[in-house]
Amino acid sequence: MFYPSRILLSLFFLFFTVFAFSQAMLHGRVIRVADGDTITLLDSLNQQHRVRLHGIDSPEKGQDFYQVARQFSNSFCFQQWVRVEVLDYDRYQRAIGKVYVGEQELNLALLKSGLAWHYLQFDRSESYAAAEAEAQLYQRGLWANPTRIAPWEFRKLKRRKVSP
């Protein structure tokens, strides 16, 4: 016997399951590189989206390798069409995600080049850990600097200096 209500109910659950587990995606052209791990893209509706790269932390302004990391990201994606796999949003309303130009991932490229730290507080992926370990082993980028300070430590020190 044919039960249209069962078919509709099944389709509803199928759609809901697919929608609930799908990642949000942004597509657009990068119009600004704020620093090594923050970009702004313009989508096809002319809406701007600020994106913070997931799972990594690049040097802060005033730190060694800040300009190098920013320039790397600029060369990698500025004025390029990118795809962003959005994983979350932060308190500043920035999308947190993985940025791709074609099949190349910016987050991973920064780690491999030694221009960012793997941000273990927010990511536990083996590929990021391996990329950082390889950069450390071959002393790429900031890993060649024996006095390097992680960005989160740099921010903490900066806050202490400012507060009375």
Foldseek 3Di string as FASTA:
>chain_A
DDDPVVVVVVVVVVVVVCVVPAFDKAKFAWAAQPWLFWTWGQGPVRDIAIEGEPQKAFADPVFPLGVVSSVLVCVVGHRAIWMWRFDDADPVRHGYTWIDRPNDTSLLVCLLQVGIQGPVVGDDDPSSVVSNVNCLVVVGDPNVPPPHDHRVVVVVVVVVVPDD
